[in-house]
């Protein structure tokens, strides 16, 4: 596996370390918030590593998106095995008839077990679907249609389309909490 150089990750005393397989600040903040809400008795620190997803830049199916999240989590674990948890988050789209649906998969591991969950799904507008059909990645399509810059590290399509009622961090946080269910009920999983 050809990784970039291992980035500088610092542990903090008395904190559990979460490594997110992305440098995207929205994904890192969502992971930390999910762990903090799900397990408030612990102190959490999430940090990101730039790792490959192993899938196309714009995953086009549910299965490819899940594989991207799984691969990001596994690559983060390989690159920084001394963490307590590893998280992979991958956004994707899937065609349902004439509609294109957007969503993300979140995969969490502690090295013993794996939790997985998917965000809610929403239908993309035709103008964005047309750009994606031309090979444009969703974040870039959002930027072009809504005249923005780097929306994928900000509110994303979900934030833009809900007029800020659901931002990308909240969107990922809820699914990340659901991915933590096996860790909250260890004896059942």
N, C-alpha and C. Protein backbone atom coordinates (compact mmCIF):
# COMPACT_ATOMS: atom_id res chain seq x y z
N UNK A 1 0.85 -1.18 0.00
CA UNK A 1 0.00 0.00 0.00
C UNK A 1 0.89 1.23 0.00
N UNK A 2 0.55 2.18 -0.81
CA UNK A 2 1.36 3.37 -0.98
C UNK A 2 0.71 4.56 -0.26
N UNK A 3 1.10 4.79 1.00
CA UNK A 3 0.54 5.87 1.79
C UNK A 3 1.41 7.11 1.69
N UNK A 4 0.82 8.28 1.87
CA UNK A 4 1.65 9.45 2.07
C UNK A 4 2.38 9.27 3.41
N UNK A 5 3.38 10.08 3.68
CA UNK A 5 4.08 9.98 4.95
C UNK A 5 3.11 10.12 6.10
N UNK A 6 3.38 9.37 7.16
CA UNK A 6 2.53 9.42 8.35
C UNK A 6 2.52 10.83 8.91
N UNK A 7 1.33 11.38 9.04
CA UNK A 7 1.20 12.75 9.52
C UNK A 7 1.39 12.80 11.04
N UNK A 8 1.66 13.97 11.56
CA UNK A 8 1.92 14.16 12.97
C UNK A 8 0.62 14.06 13.77
N UNK A 9 0.49 12.99 14.53
CA UNK A 9 -0.67 12.77 15.39
C UNK A 9 -0.18 12.81 16.82
N UNK A 10 -0.85 13.57 17.65
CA UNK A 10 -0.48 13.71 19.05
C UNK A 10 -1.58 13.14 19.94
N UNK A 11 -1.20 12.28 20.85
CA UNK A 11 -2.13 11.81 21.88
C UNK A 11 -2.22 12.86 22.97
N UNK A 12 -3.36 12.94 23.62
CA UNK A 12 -3.50 13.79 24.80
C UNK A 12 -3.73 12.89 26.00
N UNK A 13 -3.14 13.25 27.10
CA UNK A 13 -3.30 12.46 28.32
C UNK A 13 -4.78 12.34 28.67
N UNK A 14 -5.16 11.18 29.12
CA UNK A 14 -6.53 10.90 29.57
C UNK A 14 -7.58 11.01 28.48
N UNK A 15 -7.18 10.94 27.20
CA UNK A 15 -8.15 10.98 26.10
C UNK A 15 -8.03 9.72 25.27
N UNK A 16 -9.17 9.26 24.80
CA UNK A 16 -9.22 8.17 23.83
C UNK A 16 -8.96 8.79 22.46
N UNK A 17 -8.12 8.16 21.65
CA UNK A 17 -7.75 8.70 20.35
C UNK A 17 -8.54 8.02 19.23
N UNK A 18 -9.21 8.84 18.44
CA UNK A 18 -9.97 8.39 17.27
C UNK A 18 -9.20 8.88 16.04
N UNK A 19 -8.88 7.97 15.14
CA UNK A 19 -8.25 8.36 13.89
C UNK A 19 -9.29 8.24 12.78
N UNK A 20 -9.52 9.35 12.10
CA UNK A 20 -10.48 9.41 10.99
C UNK A 20 -9.68 9.33 9.69
N UNK A 21 -10.13 8.48 8.78
CA UNK A 21 -9.44 8.29 7.51
C UNK A 21 -9.72 9.40 6.53
N UNK A 22 -9.51 10.63 6.93
CA UNK A 22 -9.72 11.81 6.09
C UNK A 22 -9.16 13.02 6.82
N UNK A 23 -8.70 14.01 6.06
CA UNK A 23 -8.28 15.28 6.66
C UNK A 23 -9.42 16.30 6.61
N UNK A 24 -10.59 15.92 6.10
CA UNK A 24 -11.73 16.83 6.00
C UNK A 24 -12.18 17.20 7.42
N UNK A 25 -12.12 18.49 7.78
CA UNK A 25 -12.47 18.89 9.15
C UNK A 25 -13.90 18.55 9.54
N UNK A 26 -14.82 18.54 8.61
CA UNK A 26 -16.22 18.19 8.92
C UNK A 26 -16.31 16.74 9.39
N UNK A 27 -15.61 15.85 8.73
CA UNK A 27 -15.64 14.43 9.10
C UNK A 27 -14.97 14.22 10.46
N UNK A 28 -13.86 14.89 10.70
CA UNK A 28 -13.15 14.76 11.97
C UNK A 28 -14.01 15.27 13.12
N UNK A 29 -14.62 16.44 12.95
CA UNK A 29 -15.47 17.02 13.99
C UNK A 29 -16.71 16.16 14.24
N UNK A 30 -17.29 15.61 13.18
CA UNK A 30 -18.47 14.75 13.34
C UNK A 30 -18.13 13.49 14.12
N UNK A 31 -16.99 12.89 13.84
CA UNK A 31 -16.57 11.69 14.57
C UNK A 31 -16.37 12.00 16.05
N UNK A 32 -15.65 13.08 16.34
CA UNK A 32 -15.42 13.43 17.74
C UNK A 32 -16.73 13.73 18.46
N UNK A 33 -17.63 14.44 17.81
CA UNK A 33 -18.91 14.76 18.44
C UNK A 33 -19.73 13.49 18.69
N UNK A 34 -19.72 12.55 17.76
CA UNK A 34 -20.48 11.31 17.93
C UNK A 34 -19.97 10.52 19.13
N UNK A 35 -18.66 10.35 19.23
CA UNK A 35 -18.09 9.62 20.37
C UNK A 35 -18.39 10.35 21.67
N UNK A 36 -18.28 11.67 21.68
CA UNK A 36 -18.54 12.46 22.88
C UNK A 36 -19.99 12.32 23.33
N UNK A 37 -20.91 12.32 22.38
CA UNK A 37 -22.33 12.16 22.73
C UNK A 37 -22.65 10.73 23.16
N UNK A 38 -22.08 9.75 22.46
CA UNK A 38 -22.41 8.35 22.73
C UNK A 38 -21.75 7.83 24.00
N UNK A 39 -20.55 8.31 24.30
CA UNK A 39 -19.80 7.83 25.46
C UNK A 39 -19.23 9.02 26.25
N UNK A 40 -20.12 9.79 26.89
CA UNK A 40 -19.68 11.03 27.55
C UNK A 40 -18.79 10.80 28.77
N UNK A 41 -18.72 9.59 29.27
CA UNK A 41 -17.87 9.29 30.42
C UNK A 41 -16.38 9.31 30.05
N UNK A 42 -16.07 9.30 28.77
CA UNK A 42 -14.68 9.33 28.28
C UNK A 42 -14.35 10.71 27.71
N UNK A 43 -13.06 11.01 27.62
CA UNK A 43 -12.59 12.19 26.89
C UNK A 43 -12.12 11.70 25.53
N UNK A 44 -12.49 12.44 24.48
CA UNK A 44 -12.21 12.00 23.12
C UNK A 44 -11.41 13.05 22.36
N UNK A 45 -10.53 12.57 21.52
CA UNK A 45 -9.79 13.43 20.62
C UNK A 45 -9.78 12.74 19.25
N UNK A 46 -10.32 13.41 18.25
CA UNK A 46 -10.31 12.87 16.88
C UNK A 46 -9.29 13.64 16.06
N UNK A 47 -8.52 12.90 15.30
CA UNK A 47 -7.56 13.48 14.38
C UNK A 47 -7.67 12.75 13.05
N UNK A 48 -7.34 13.45 11.98
CA UNK A 48 -7.50 12.88 10.65
C UNK A 48 -6.19 12.56 9.97
N UNK A 49 -6.23 11.52 9.16
CA UNK A 49 -5.11 11.13 8.31
C UNK A 49 -5.60 11.07 6.87
N UNK A 50 -4.78 11.52 5.97
CA UNK A 50 -5.10 11.46 4.55
C UNK A 50 -4.77 10.06 4.04
N UNK A 51 -5.79 9.24 3.88
CA UNK A 51 -5.59 7.86 3.40
C UNK A 51 -6.47 7.62 2.17
N UNK A 52 -6.07 6.69 1.32
CA UNK A 52 -6.87 6.39 0.14
C UNK A 52 -8.15 5.62 0.50
N UNK A 53 -9.19 5.85 -0.30
CA UNK A 53 -10.46 5.15 -0.11
C UNK A 53 -10.52 3.85 -0.89
N UNK A 54 -9.68 3.72 -1.92
CA UNK A 54 -9.70 2.51 -2.74
C UNK A 54 -10.86 2.45 -3.71
N UNK A 55 -11.67 3.51 -3.76
CA UNK A 55 -12.80 3.56 -4.70
C UNK A 55 -12.66 4.82 -5.55
N UNK A 56 -13.56 4.98 -6.49
CA UNK A 56 -13.50 6.16 -7.35
C UNK A 56 -13.74 7.43 -6.53
N UNK A 57 -13.28 8.55 -7.07
CA UNK A 57 -13.42 9.84 -6.36
C UNK A 57 -14.89 10.11 -6.03
N UNK A 58 -15.79 9.71 -6.92
CA UNK A 58 -17.22 9.85 -6.67
C UNK A 58 -17.84 8.45 -6.70
N UNK A 59 -17.97 7.79 -5.53
CA UNK A 59 -18.61 6.49 -5.51
C UNK A 59 -20.04 6.58 -6.07
N UNK A 60 -20.38 5.64 -6.95
CA UNK A 60 -21.64 5.73 -7.68
C UNK A 60 -22.67 4.68 -7.28
N UNK A 61 -22.37 3.87 -6.27
CA UNK A 61 -23.34 2.89 -5.78
C UNK A 61 -23.25 2.80 -4.26
N UNK A 62 -24.26 2.21 -3.67
CA UNK A 62 -24.27 1.98 -2.23
C UNK A 62 -23.08 1.10 -1.84
N UNK A 63 -22.87 0.02 -2.59
CA UNK A 63 -21.79 -0.92 -2.28
C UNK A 63 -20.41 -0.26 -2.39
N UNK A 64 -20.19 0.53 -3.43
CA UNK A 64 -18.90 1.21 -3.60
C UNK A 64 -18.67 2.22 -2.48
N UNK A 65 -19.71 2.90 -2.05
CA UNK A 65 -19.59 3.88 -0.97
C UNK A 65 -19.25 3.19 0.35
N UNK A 66 -19.92 2.09 0.66
CA UNK A 66 -19.61 1.33 1.87
C UNK A 66 -18.16 0.83 1.80
N UNK A 67 -17.74 0.33 0.65
CA UNK A 67 -16.37 -0.15 0.50
C UNK A 67 -15.37 0.98 0.74
N UNK A 68 -15.66 2.17 0.25
CA UNK A 68 -14.78 3.31 0.48
C UNK A 68 -14.64 3.64 1.95
N UNK A 69 -15.75 3.63 2.69
CA UNK A 69 -15.70 3.90 4.14
C UNK A 69 -14.90 2.82 4.86
N UNK A 70 -15.14 1.57 4.48
CA UNK A 70 -14.43 0.45 5.11
C UNK A 70 -12.92 0.55 4.83
N UNK A 71 -12.56 0.84 3.60
CA UNK A 71 -11.15 0.95 3.24
C UNK A 71 -10.48 2.12 3.94
N UNK A 72 -11.17 3.25 4.04
CA UNK A 72 -10.60 4.39 4.78
C UNK A 72 -10.32 4.01 6.24
N UNK A 73 -11.27 3.33 6.86
CA UNK A 73 -11.09 2.91 8.25
C UNK A 73 -9.90 1.96 8.35
N UNK A 74 -9.82 0.98 7.48
CA UNK A 74 -8.73 0.00 7.51
C UNK A 74 -7.38 0.65 7.25
N UNK A 75 -7.33 1.57 6.31
CA UNK A 75 -6.06 2.25 6.01
C UNK A 75 -5.62 3.16 7.14
N UNK A 76 -6.57 3.80 7.81
CA UNK A 76 -6.23 4.62 8.98
C UNK A 76 -5.66 3.73 10.08
N UNK A 77 -6.24 2.55 10.25
CA UNK A 77 -5.76 1.60 11.27
C UNK A 77 -4.35 1.11 10.93
N UNK A 78 -4.09 0.83 9.66
CA UNK A 78 -2.75 0.38 9.26
C UNK A 78 -1.71 1.48 9.45
N UNK A 79 -2.10 2.71 9.17
CA UNK A 79 -1.15 3.82 9.26
C UNK A 79 -0.90 4.26 10.70
N UNK A 80 -1.92 4.13 11.57
CA UNK A 80 -1.77 4.56 12.96
C UNK A 80 -2.40 3.51 13.87
N UNK A 81 -1.75 2.34 14.02
CA UNK A 81 -2.35 1.22 14.77
C UNK A 81 -2.48 1.45 16.27
N UNK A 82 -1.79 2.45 16.81
CA UNK A 82 -1.84 2.67 18.25
C UNK A 82 -3.05 3.49 18.71
N UNK A 83 -3.94 3.88 17.81
CA UNK A 83 -5.16 4.60 18.20
C UNK A 83 -6.11 3.67 18.94
N UNK A 84 -7.15 4.24 19.52
CA UNK A 84 -8.18 3.45 20.21
C UNK A 84 -9.32 3.06 19.29
N UNK A 85 -9.65 3.95 18.33
CA UNK A 85 -10.71 3.71 17.36
C UNK A 85 -10.29 4.29 16.02
N UNK A 86 -10.86 3.72 14.96
CA UNK A 86 -10.62 4.22 13.61
C UNK A 86 -11.96 4.40 12.93
N UNK A 87 -12.09 5.46 12.14
CA UNK A 87 -13.36 5.80 11.50
C UNK A 87 -13.13 6.06 10.02
N UNK A 88 -13.99 5.50 9.19
CA UNK A 88 -14.02 5.82 7.77
C UNK A 88 -15.37 6.40 7.41
N UNK A 89 -15.37 7.51 6.71
CA UNK A 89 -16.61 8.16 6.27
C UNK A 89 -16.48 8.39 4.76
N UNK A 90 -17.46 7.90 4.02
CA UNK A 90 -17.43 8.06 2.56
C UNK A 90 -18.81 8.49 2.07
N UNK A 91 -18.86 9.60 1.36
CA UNK A 91 -20.09 10.05 0.74
C UNK A 91 -20.23 9.44 -0.64
N UNK A 92 -21.45 9.14 -1.01
CA UNK A 92 -21.69 8.54 -2.32
C UNK A 92 -23.06 8.86 -2.86
N UNK A 93 -23.29 8.37 -4.05
CA UNK A 93 -24.59 8.54 -4.69
C UNK A 93 -25.00 7.22 -5.31
N UNK A 94 -26.29 7.08 -5.54
CA UNK A 94 -26.83 5.87 -6.15
C UNK A 94 -28.06 6.27 -6.96
N UNK A 95 -28.15 5.72 -8.13
CA UNK A 95 -29.29 6.02 -9.00
C UNK A 95 -30.46 5.10 -8.65
N UNK A 96 -31.62 5.70 -8.50
CA UNK A 96 -32.87 4.99 -8.27
C UNK A 96 -33.82 5.43 -9.37
N UNK A 97 -33.90 4.66 -10.44
CA UNK A 97 -34.70 5.07 -11.60
C UNK A 97 -34.10 6.32 -12.20
N UNK A 98 -34.89 7.38 -12.34
CA UNK A 98 -34.39 8.62 -12.93
C UNK A 98 -33.79 9.56 -11.87
N UNK A 99 -33.89 9.18 -10.60
CA UNK A 99 -33.38 10.03 -9.52
C UNK A 99 -31.98 9.60 -9.09
N UNK A 100 -31.23 10.58 -8.60
CA UNK A 100 -29.92 10.30 -8.02
C UNK A 100 -30.00 10.64 -6.54
N UNK A 101 -29.69 9.66 -5.69
CA UNK A 101 -29.77 9.83 -4.25
C UNK A 101 -28.37 10.00 -3.67
N UNK A 102 -28.24 10.89 -2.69
CA UNK A 102 -26.96 11.13 -2.01
C UNK A 102 -27.07 10.62 -0.57
N UNK A 103 -25.93 10.14 -0.04
CA UNK A 103 -25.86 9.57 1.31
C UNK A 103 -24.39 9.38 1.66
N UNK A 104 -24.12 8.87 2.84
CA UNK A 104 -22.75 8.52 3.25
C UNK A 104 -22.80 7.28 4.13
N UNK A 105 -21.71 6.52 4.10
CA UNK A 105 -21.51 5.40 5.01
C UNK A 105 -20.44 5.78 6.02
N UNK A 106 -20.64 5.33 7.27
CA UNK A 106 -19.67 5.51 8.34
C UNK A 106 -19.32 4.13 8.88
N UNK A 107 -18.03 3.84 9.00
CA UNK A 107 -17.55 2.57 9.55
C UNK A 107 -16.61 2.89 10.70
N UNK A 108 -16.80 2.21 11.84
CA UNK A 108 -16.00 2.42 13.04
C UNK A 108 -15.44 1.08 13.49
N UNK A 109 -14.19 1.07 13.95
CA UNK A 109 -13.60 -0.15 14.52
C UNK A 109 -12.76 0.21 15.73
N UNK A 110 -12.71 -0.73 16.67
CA UNK A 110 -11.79 -0.62 17.80
C UNK A 110 -10.72 -1.70 17.71
N UNK A 111 -10.64 -2.36 16.57
CA UNK A 111 -9.69 -3.43 16.38
C UNK A 111 -10.23 -4.81 16.71
N UNK A 112 -11.36 -4.86 17.41
CA UNK A 112 -12.02 -6.13 17.74
C UNK A 112 -13.31 -6.29 16.97
N UNK A 113 -14.08 -5.22 16.89
CA UNK A 113 -15.35 -5.28 16.19
C UNK A 113 -15.53 -4.05 15.32
N UNK A 114 -16.53 -4.13 14.44
CA UNK A 114 -16.80 -3.07 13.48
C UNK A 114 -18.27 -2.68 13.58
N UNK A 115 -18.53 -1.37 13.57
CA UNK A 115 -19.88 -0.84 13.51
C UNK A 115 -20.05 -0.08 12.21
N UNK A 116 -21.23 -0.18 11.60
CA UNK A 116 -21.50 0.48 10.33
C UNK A 116 -22.88 1.12 10.37
N UNK A 117 -23.00 2.27 9.73
CA UNK A 117 -24.31 2.92 9.60
C UNK A 117 -24.29 3.83 8.38
N UNK A 118 -25.47 4.09 7.88
CA UNK A 118 -25.62 4.95 6.72
C UNK A 118 -26.45 6.16 7.10
N UNK A 119 -26.12 7.30 6.52
CA UNK A 119 -26.90 8.51 6.77
C UNK A 119 -28.27 8.38 6.12
N UNK A 120 -29.10 9.38 6.36
CA UNK A 120 -30.33 9.51 5.60
C UNK A 120 -29.99 9.77 4.13
N UNK A 121 -30.96 9.57 3.29
CA UNK A 121 -30.77 9.71 1.84
C UNK A 121 -31.66 10.84 1.35
N UNK A 122 -31.15 11.60 0.37
CA UNK A 122 -31.97 12.65 -0.23
C UNK A 122 -31.73 12.69 -1.73
N UNK A 123 -32.74 13.17 -2.44
CA UNK A 123 -32.68 13.23 -3.91
C UNK A 123 -31.98 14.53 -4.33
N UNK A 124 -31.05 14.38 -5.26
CA UNK A 124 -30.33 15.54 -5.78
C UNK A 124 -31.12 16.22 -6.88
N UNK A 125 -30.99 17.55 -7.01
CA UNK A 125 -31.66 18.27 -8.10
C UNK A 125 -31.09 17.85 -9.46
N UNK A 126 -31.90 18.01 -10.49
CA UNK A 126 -31.51 17.58 -11.83
C UNK A 126 -30.23 18.28 -12.31
N UNK A 127 -30.03 19.54 -11.99
CA UNK A 127 -28.83 20.26 -12.44
C UNK A 127 -27.56 19.59 -11.89
N UNK A 128 -27.61 19.12 -10.66
CA UNK A 128 -26.46 18.44 -10.07
C UNK A 128 -26.32 17.05 -10.67
N UNK A 129 -27.43 16.35 -10.83
CA UNK A 129 -27.41 15.02 -11.44
C UNK A 129 -26.80 15.07 -12.83
N UNK A 130 -27.17 16.08 -13.61
CA UNK A 130 -26.61 16.22 -14.96
C UNK A 130 -25.09 16.37 -14.93
N UNK A 131 -24.56 17.16 -14.01
CA UNK A 131 -23.11 17.33 -13.89
C UNK A 131 -22.43 16.03 -13.47
N UNK A 132 -23.03 15.33 -12.52
CA UNK A 132 -22.46 14.05 -12.08
C UNK A 132 -22.44 13.06 -13.24
N UNK A 133 -23.50 13.06 -14.04
CA UNK A 133 -23.54 12.18 -15.22
C UNK A 133 -22.43 12.52 -16.21
N UNK A 134 -21.93 13.74 -16.16
CA UNK A 134 -20.83 14.16 -17.04
C UNK A 134 -19.46 13.86 -16.41
N UNK A 135 -19.46 13.23 -15.22
CA UNK A 135 -18.20 12.86 -14.57
C UNK A 135 -17.73 13.82 -13.50
N UNK A 136 -18.55 14.79 -13.12
CA UNK A 136 -18.17 15.77 -12.10
C UNK A 136 -18.51 15.19 -10.72
N UNK A 137 -17.60 15.33 -9.77
CA UNK A 137 -17.81 14.86 -8.41
C UNK A 137 -18.87 15.74 -7.74
N UNK A 138 -19.63 15.17 -6.79
CA UNK A 138 -20.76 15.87 -6.16
C UNK A 138 -20.35 17.22 -5.56
N UNK A 139 -19.25 17.28 -4.82
CA UNK A 139 -18.83 18.55 -4.21
C UNK A 139 -18.58 19.63 -5.25
N UNK A 140 -17.92 19.25 -6.33
CA UNK A 140 -17.66 20.20 -7.42
C UNK A 140 -18.98 20.61 -8.09
N UNK A 141 -19.89 19.66 -8.28
CA UNK A 141 -21.19 19.98 -8.87
C UNK A 141 -21.95 20.97 -7.99
N UNK A 142 -21.92 20.76 -6.67
CA UNK A 142 -22.55 21.70 -5.73
C UNK A 142 -21.96 23.10 -5.91
N UNK A 143 -20.63 23.17 -5.96
CA UNK A 143 -19.96 24.46 -6.10
C UNK A 143 -20.39 25.16 -7.38
N UNK A 144 -20.48 24.43 -8.47
CA UNK A 144 -20.86 25.04 -9.75
C UNK A 144 -22.31 25.51 -9.75
N UNK A 145 -23.22 24.65 -9.30
CA UNK A 145 -24.65 24.97 -9.34
C UNK A 145 -25.00 26.09 -8.37
N UNK A 146 -24.39 26.08 -7.19
CA UNK A 146 -24.74 27.05 -6.15
C UNK A 146 -23.72 28.17 -6.01
N UNK A 147 -22.78 28.24 -6.95
CA UNK A 147 -21.78 29.32 -6.98
C UNK A 147 -21.05 29.44 -5.63
N UNK A 148 -20.45 28.31 -5.20
CA UNK A 148 -19.72 28.26 -3.94
C UNK A 148 -18.31 27.74 -4.17
N UNK A 149 -17.52 27.71 -3.12
CA UNK A 149 -16.18 27.14 -3.18
C UNK A 149 -16.02 26.14 -2.04
N UNK A 150 -15.49 24.96 -2.37
CA UNK A 150 -15.14 23.94 -1.40
C UNK A 150 -16.29 23.59 -0.44
N UNK A 151 -17.48 23.43 -0.99
CA UNK A 151 -18.65 23.13 -0.14
C UNK A 151 -18.53 21.76 0.53
N UNK A 152 -17.72 20.86 -0.02
CA UNK A 152 -17.59 19.54 0.60
C UNK A 152 -16.84 19.60 1.93
N UNK A 153 -16.12 20.67 2.20
CA UNK A 153 -15.51 20.83 3.52
C UNK A 153 -16.31 21.83 4.35
N UNK A 154 -17.49 22.14 3.86
CA UNK A 154 -18.40 23.03 4.59
C UNK A 154 -19.74 22.35 4.76
N UNK A 155 -20.78 23.01 4.30
CA UNK A 155 -22.13 22.50 4.52
C UNK A 155 -22.50 21.34 3.61
N UNK A 156 -21.80 21.18 2.48
CA UNK A 156 -22.11 20.09 1.56
C UNK A 156 -23.48 20.25 0.93
N UNK A 157 -23.83 19.29 0.09
CA UNK A 157 -25.13 19.33 -0.59
C UNK A 157 -26.27 19.34 0.41
N UNK A 158 -26.15 18.55 1.48
CA UNK A 158 -27.23 18.47 2.46
C UNK A 158 -27.47 19.83 3.11
N UNK A 159 -26.42 20.55 3.44
CA UNK A 159 -26.58 21.87 4.06
C UNK A 159 -27.14 22.89 3.10
N UNK A 160 -26.65 22.85 1.86
CA UNK A 160 -27.14 23.79 0.86
C UNK A 160 -28.62 23.55 0.57
N UNK A 161 -28.98 22.30 0.34
CA UNK A 161 -30.36 21.98 -0.05
C UNK A 161 -31.37 22.12 1.08
N UNK A 162 -30.92 21.97 2.34
CA UNK A 162 -31.85 22.16 3.48
C UNK A 162 -31.77 23.58 4.02
N UNK A 163 -31.09 24.45 3.29
CA UNK A 163 -30.92 25.85 3.69
C UNK A 163 -30.34 25.96 5.10
N UNK A 164 -29.38 25.08 5.38
CA UNK A 164 -28.67 25.12 6.65
C UNK A 164 -29.36 24.44 7.81
N UNK A 165 -30.55 23.89 7.59
CA UNK A 165 -31.25 23.23 8.71
C UNK A 165 -30.53 21.96 9.14
N UNK A 166 -29.88 21.27 8.19
CA UNK A 166 -29.06 20.10 8.49
C UNK A 166 -27.71 20.35 7.83
N UNK A 167 -26.70 20.60 8.66
CA UNK A 167 -25.38 20.78 8.05
C UNK A 167 -24.68 19.43 7.94
N UNK A 168 -23.60 19.42 7.23
CA UNK A 168 -22.90 18.16 6.94
C UNK A 168 -22.37 17.51 8.21
N UNK A 169 -21.92 18.29 9.17
CA UNK A 169 -21.42 17.74 10.43
C UNK A 169 -22.54 16.99 11.17
N UNK A 170 -23.70 17.62 11.31
CA UNK A 170 -24.83 16.96 11.98
C UNK A 170 -25.28 15.72 11.22
N UNK A 171 -25.27 15.82 9.90
CA UNK A 171 -25.67 14.71 9.03
C UNK A 171 -24.78 13.49 9.29
N UNK A 172 -23.47 13.70 9.38
CA UNK A 172 -22.54 12.61 9.65
C UNK A 172 -22.58 12.16 11.10
N UNK A 173 -22.78 13.10 12.03
CA UNK A 173 -22.75 12.76 13.45
C UNK A 173 -23.82 11.75 13.81
N UNK A 174 -25.04 11.94 13.33
CA UNK A 174 -26.11 10.99 13.67
C UNK A 174 -25.79 9.58 13.18
N UNK A 175 -25.29 9.45 11.96
CA UNK A 175 -24.93 8.13 11.44
C UNK A 175 -23.74 7.56 12.20
N UNK A 176 -22.78 8.40 12.58
CA UNK A 176 -21.63 7.91 13.35
C UNK A 176 -22.08 7.38 14.71
N UNK A 177 -23.05 8.02 15.34
CA UNK A 177 -23.61 7.50 16.60
C UNK A 177 -24.24 6.14 16.36
N UNK A 178 -24.97 5.99 15.28
CA UNK A 178 -25.56 4.68 14.96
C UNK A 178 -24.49 3.63 14.71
N UNK A 179 -23.37 4.02 14.10
CA UNK A 179 -22.27 3.07 13.89
C UNK A 179 -21.63 2.65 15.21
N UNK A 180 -21.83 3.43 16.26
CA UNK A 180 -21.29 3.10 17.58
C UNK A 180 -22.18 2.15 18.39
N UNK A 181 -23.35 1.83 17.90
CA UNK A 181 -24.27 0.96 18.63
C UNK A 181 -23.61 -0.34 19.10
N UNK A 182 -22.85 -1.05 18.25
CA UNK A 182 -22.22 -2.29 18.75
C UNK A 182 -21.27 -2.06 19.93
N UNK A 183 -20.67 -0.88 20.01
CA UNK A 183 -19.74 -0.58 21.10
C UNK A 183 -20.49 -0.18 22.37
N UNK A 184 -21.71 0.31 22.20
CA UNK A 184 -22.54 0.67 23.34
C UNK A 184 -23.23 -0.55 23.94
N UNK A 185 -23.36 -1.61 23.15
CA UNK A 185 -24.03 -2.85 23.57
C UNK A 185 -23.13 -4.04 23.24
N UNK A 186 -21.92 -3.99 23.76
CA UNK A 186 -20.89 -4.98 23.45
C UNK A 186 -21.37 -6.42 23.62
N UNK A 187 -22.17 -6.70 24.65
CA UNK A 187 -22.59 -8.07 24.92
C UNK A 187 -23.58 -8.60 23.87
N UNK A 188 -24.21 -7.71 23.13
CA UNK A 188 -25.16 -8.13 22.09
C UNK A 188 -24.50 -8.35 20.73
N UNK A 189 -23.32 -7.80 20.56
CA UNK A 189 -22.62 -7.90 19.28
C UNK A 189 -21.39 -8.74 19.44
